[in-house]
Amino acid sequence: QQYDGNEVMRINDDRKLYFYDDGGENISSDGTDFTFASGNDINLTATTDINVPSDVGITFGDDAEKIEGDGTDLTITGNTINLTATTDVALAVNTGLLFAGTEKIESDGTDLSITVGSNGDINIGSNIGLTFGNDGEKIEGDGTDLTIAGNTINLTAVTDVVIPNSVGIQFGGASEKIEGDGTD
């Protein structure tokens, strides 16, 4: 029904349902795909959820990127996935970032834990240090030597500090040394 004489909807011979005018937004089907077409934004205005069934995804481009859920897990697939946030990307307490099923970064609200697989390592590149406070204390390696730098370095151990046989502690550029060979 048209109350003011203006066209509001048209169904043409091309099986497209047009809104406002023949060249504007339309809904169509070719017997396989259902298409919503618009030259500008398509706005979804709902007062409750918009539900996408399990194992049905939302694809972007030519299906190269996809968001899909199976009722349990949400999967985001793409070559490079960029998160561009104007504030933090927030993870809940006791949830983390899981890498390859074994490596994980997680927070319990107090401590940050980094977990690696069995016999795994946390690798920091050469000449990149781990700093504490305002960079006054630093641990850094160059692939050959490990340097621990700070004003005063305190070793607080509840058992022995073990240094292997025939390895010593040098003072003043190796002019003085304490070393044991397992006997003397």
Protein backbone atom coordinates (compact mmCIF):
# COMPACT_ATOMS: atom_id res chain seq x y z
CA GLN A 1 0.00 0.00 0.00
CA GLN A 2 1.19 3.45 -0.83
CA TYR A 3 -0.25 6.24 1.23
CA ASP A 4 1.59 9.23 -0.21
CA GLY A 5 1.98 8.10 -3.83
CA ASN A 6 5.75 7.43 -3.58
CA GLU A 7 7.13 4.07 -4.64
CA VAL A 8 8.41 2.07 -1.65
CA MET A 9 8.90 -1.45 -3.02
CA ARG A 10 9.09 -3.15 -6.44
CA ILE A 11 9.45 -6.75 -7.66
CA ASN A 12 10.88 -6.75 -11.18
CA ASP A 13 11.11 -9.49 -13.79
CA ASP A 14 14.73 -10.08 -12.71
CA ARG A 15 13.34 -11.71 -9.49
CA LYS A 16 14.82 -8.98 -7.32
CA LEU A 17 12.90 -7.28 -4.55
CA TYR A 18 13.89 -3.60 -4.72
CA PHE A 19 13.45 -1.10 -1.91
CA TYR A 20 12.88 2.59 -2.61
CA ASP A 21 13.75 2.46 -6.32
CA ASP A 22 14.79 0.14 -9.13
CA GLY A 23 18.53 0.88 -8.82
CA GLY A 24 18.87 0.77 -5.04
CA GLU A 25 18.99 -1.91 -2.39
CA ASN A 26 17.58 -5.30 -3.30
CA ILE A 27 17.12 -8.88 -2.14
CA SER A 28 17.42 -11.69 -4.65
CA SER A 29 17.89 -15.43 -5.01
CA ASP A 30 19.18 -17.56 -7.87
CA GLY A 31 17.92 -20.83 -6.43
CA THR A 32 21.25 -21.41 -4.65
CA ASP A 33 22.37 -18.19 -2.98
CA PHE A 34 20.32 -15.58 -1.15
CA THR A 35 21.75 -12.09 -1.78
CA PHE A 36 21.31 -8.77 0.01
CA ALA A 37 22.71 -6.00 -2.19
CA SER A 38 23.38 -2.39 -1.26
CA GLY A 39 25.52 0.43 -2.59
CA ASN A 40 26.13 1.53 1.00
CA ASP A 41 25.89 -0.01 4.47
CA ILE A 42 23.59 -2.89 5.35
CA ASN A 43 22.38 -2.21 8.88
CA LEU A 44 21.05 -5.01 11.08
CA THR A 45 18.81 -3.62 13.79
CA ALA A 46 17.66 -6.26 16.24
CA THR A 47 16.40 -6.11 19.81
CA THR A 48 17.88 -9.55 20.58
CA ASP A 49 20.66 -11.73 19.14
CA ILE A 50 21.30 -12.38 15.47
CA ASN A 51 21.79 -16.15 15.42
CA VAL A 52 24.00 -17.96 12.95
CA PRO A 53 23.60 -21.76 13.15
CA SER A 54 26.45 -24.02 14.28
CA ASP A 55 29.05 -24.84 11.63
CA VAL A 56 27.79 -21.99 9.42
CA GLY A 57 30.24 -19.14 9.08
CA ILE A 58 30.40 -15.55 7.98
CA THR A 59 32.91 -15.25 5.14
CA PHE A 60 34.72 -12.18 3.81
CA GLY A 61 36.13 -11.53 0.36
CA ASP A 62 36.17 -14.75 -1.62
CA ASP A 63 35.88 -17.03 1.45
CA ALA A 64 39.55 -16.42 2.36
CA GLU A 65 38.60 -15.09 5.80
CA LYS A 66 35.89 -16.70 7.90
CA ILE A 67 34.31 -16.50 11.36
CA GLU A 68 32.50 -19.67 12.39
CA GLY A 69 31.25 -21.30 15.56
CA ASP A 70 30.28 -24.89 16.34
CA GLY A 71 28.33 -24.19 19.52
CA THR A 72 31.47 -24.66 21.64
CA ASP A 73 34.41 -22.90 19.97
CA LEU A 74 34.63 -19.81 17.77
CA THR A 75 37.12 -20.08 14.91
CA ILE A 76 38.51 -17.08 13.03
CA THR A 77 40.37 -18.12 9.87
CA GLY A 78 42.51 -15.97 7.59
CA ASN A 79 46.03 -15.43 6.34
CA THR A 80 46.94 -12.61 8.72
CA ILE A 81 44.40 -11.65 11.35
CA ASN A 82 44.86 -8.05 12.50
CA LEU A 83 43.30 -6.87 15.74
CA THR A 84 42.99 -3.12 15.59
CA ALA A 85 41.57 -1.88 18.86
CA THR A 86 41.25 1.66 20.12
CA THR A 87 41.65 0.36 23.70
CA ASP A 88 42.86 -2.93 25.22
CA VAL A 89 42.11 -6.38 23.89
CA ALA A 90 40.90 -7.87 27.17
CA LEU A 91 41.13 -11.53 28.16
CA ALA A 92 39.32 -12.81 31.23
CA VAL A 93 41.31 -13.94 34.27
CA ASN A 94 42.66 -17.50 33.89
CA THR A 95 42.26 -17.42 30.11
CA GLY A 96 45.23 -16.95 27.87
CA LEU A 97 46.70 -17.04 24.41
CA LEU A 98 47.40 -20.63 23.37
CA PHE A 99 50.02 -21.36 20.69
CA ALA A 100 50.16 -24.72 18.88
CA GLY A 101 48.32 -26.40 21.74
CA THR A 102 51.27 -26.35 24.19
CA GLU A 103 52.69 -22.84 24.59
CA LYS A 104 50.53 -20.39 26.51
CA ILE A 105 50.58 -16.88 27.99
CA GLU A 106 48.03 -16.46 30.78
CA SER A 107 47.24 -14.24 33.75
CA ASP A 108 45.50 -15.15 37.01
CA GLY A 109 44.89 -11.50 37.83
CA THR A 110 48.12 -11.25 39.82
CA ASP A 111 50.88 -13.07 37.93
CA LEU A 112 51.62 -13.56 34.26
CA SER A 113 52.54 -17.16 33.38
CA ILE A 114 54.32 -18.33 30.26
CA THR A 115 54.05 -22.07 29.71
CA VAL A 116 56.01 -24.05 27.12
CA GLY A 117 55.85 -27.68 26.04
CA SER A 118 57.96 -30.48 27.46
CA ASN A 119 61.67 -29.60 27.27
CA GLY A 120 60.76 -26.31 25.56
CA ASP A 121 62.47 -22.96 25.96
CA ILE A 122 61.43 -19.33 26.06
CA ASN A 123 63.76 -17.74 23.51
CA ILE A 124 64.85 -14.12 23.63
CA GLY A 125 66.89 -13.03 20.61
CA SER A 126 70.59 -12.10 20.81
CA ASN A 127 71.36 -8.66 22.24
CA ILE A 128 67.80 -8.31 23.49
CA GLY A 129 67.55 -8.11 27.24
CA LEU A 130 65.05 -8.72 29.96
CA THR A 131 64.86 -5.54 32.02
CA PHE A 132 63.45 -4.89 35.48
CA GLY A 133 62.13 -1.67 36.95
CA ASN A 134 63.29 1.26 34.86
CA ASP A 135 65.98 -0.74 33.00
CA GLY A 136 68.42 -0.40 35.92
CA GLU A 137 68.67 -4.18 36.15
CA LYS A 138 69.01 -6.29 33.03
CA ILE A 139 69.73 -9.85 31.89
CA GLU A 140 70.99 -10.10 28.31
CA GLY A 141 72.78 -12.61 26.13
CA ASP A 142 74.61 -12.29 22.82
CA GLY A 143 74.70 -15.99 21.92
CA THR A 144 78.04 -16.44 23.71
CA ASP A 145 77.99 -14.62 27.04
CA LEU A 146 75.19 -13.93 29.50
CA THR A 147 75.35 -10.55 31.23
CA ILE A 148 73.50 -9.74 34.45
CA ALA A 149 73.68 -6.00 35.11
CA GLY A 150 72.51 -4.01 38.12
CA ASN A 151 73.73 -1.87 41.01
CA THR A 152 73.83 -4.67 43.58
CA ILE A 153 73.08 -8.23 42.53
CA ASN A 154 71.79 -10.34 45.40
CA LEU A 155 71.77 -14.15 45.20
CA THR A 156 69.18 -15.46 47.61
CA ALA A 157 69.09 -19.25 47.59
CA VAL A 158 67.61 -21.77 50.04
CA THR A 159 70.19 -24.39 48.97
CA ASP A 160 73.62 -24.28 47.32
CA VAL A 161 74.60 -22.08 44.39
CA VAL A 162 76.32 -24.75 42.26
CA ILE A 163 79.20 -23.93 39.94
CA PRO A 164 80.55 -26.83 37.83
CA ASN A 165 84.04 -28.30 38.35
CA SER A 166 86.89 -26.32 36.81
CA VAL A 167 84.63 -23.28 36.33
CA GLY A 168 85.42 -20.31 38.51
CA ILE A 169 84.27 -16.92 39.66
CA GLN A 170 86.58 -14.20 38.34
CA PHE A 171 87.19 -10.80 39.89
CA GLY A 172 88.68 -7.69 38.32
CA GLY A 173 89.09 -8.83 34.72
CA ALA A 174 90.27 -12.37 35.59
CA SER A 175 93.16 -11.16 37.78
CA GLU A 176 91.63 -12.97 40.78
CA LYS A 177 89.65 -16.19 40.60
CA ILE A 178 87.93 -18.72 42.86
CA GLU A 179 87.67 -22.17 41.27
CA GLY A 180 87.22 -25.78 42.35
CA ASP A 181 88.01 -29.02 40.51
CA GLY A 182 85.85 -31.30 42.64
CA THR A 183 88.75 -32.01 45.03
CA ASP A 184 90.55 -28.72 45.81
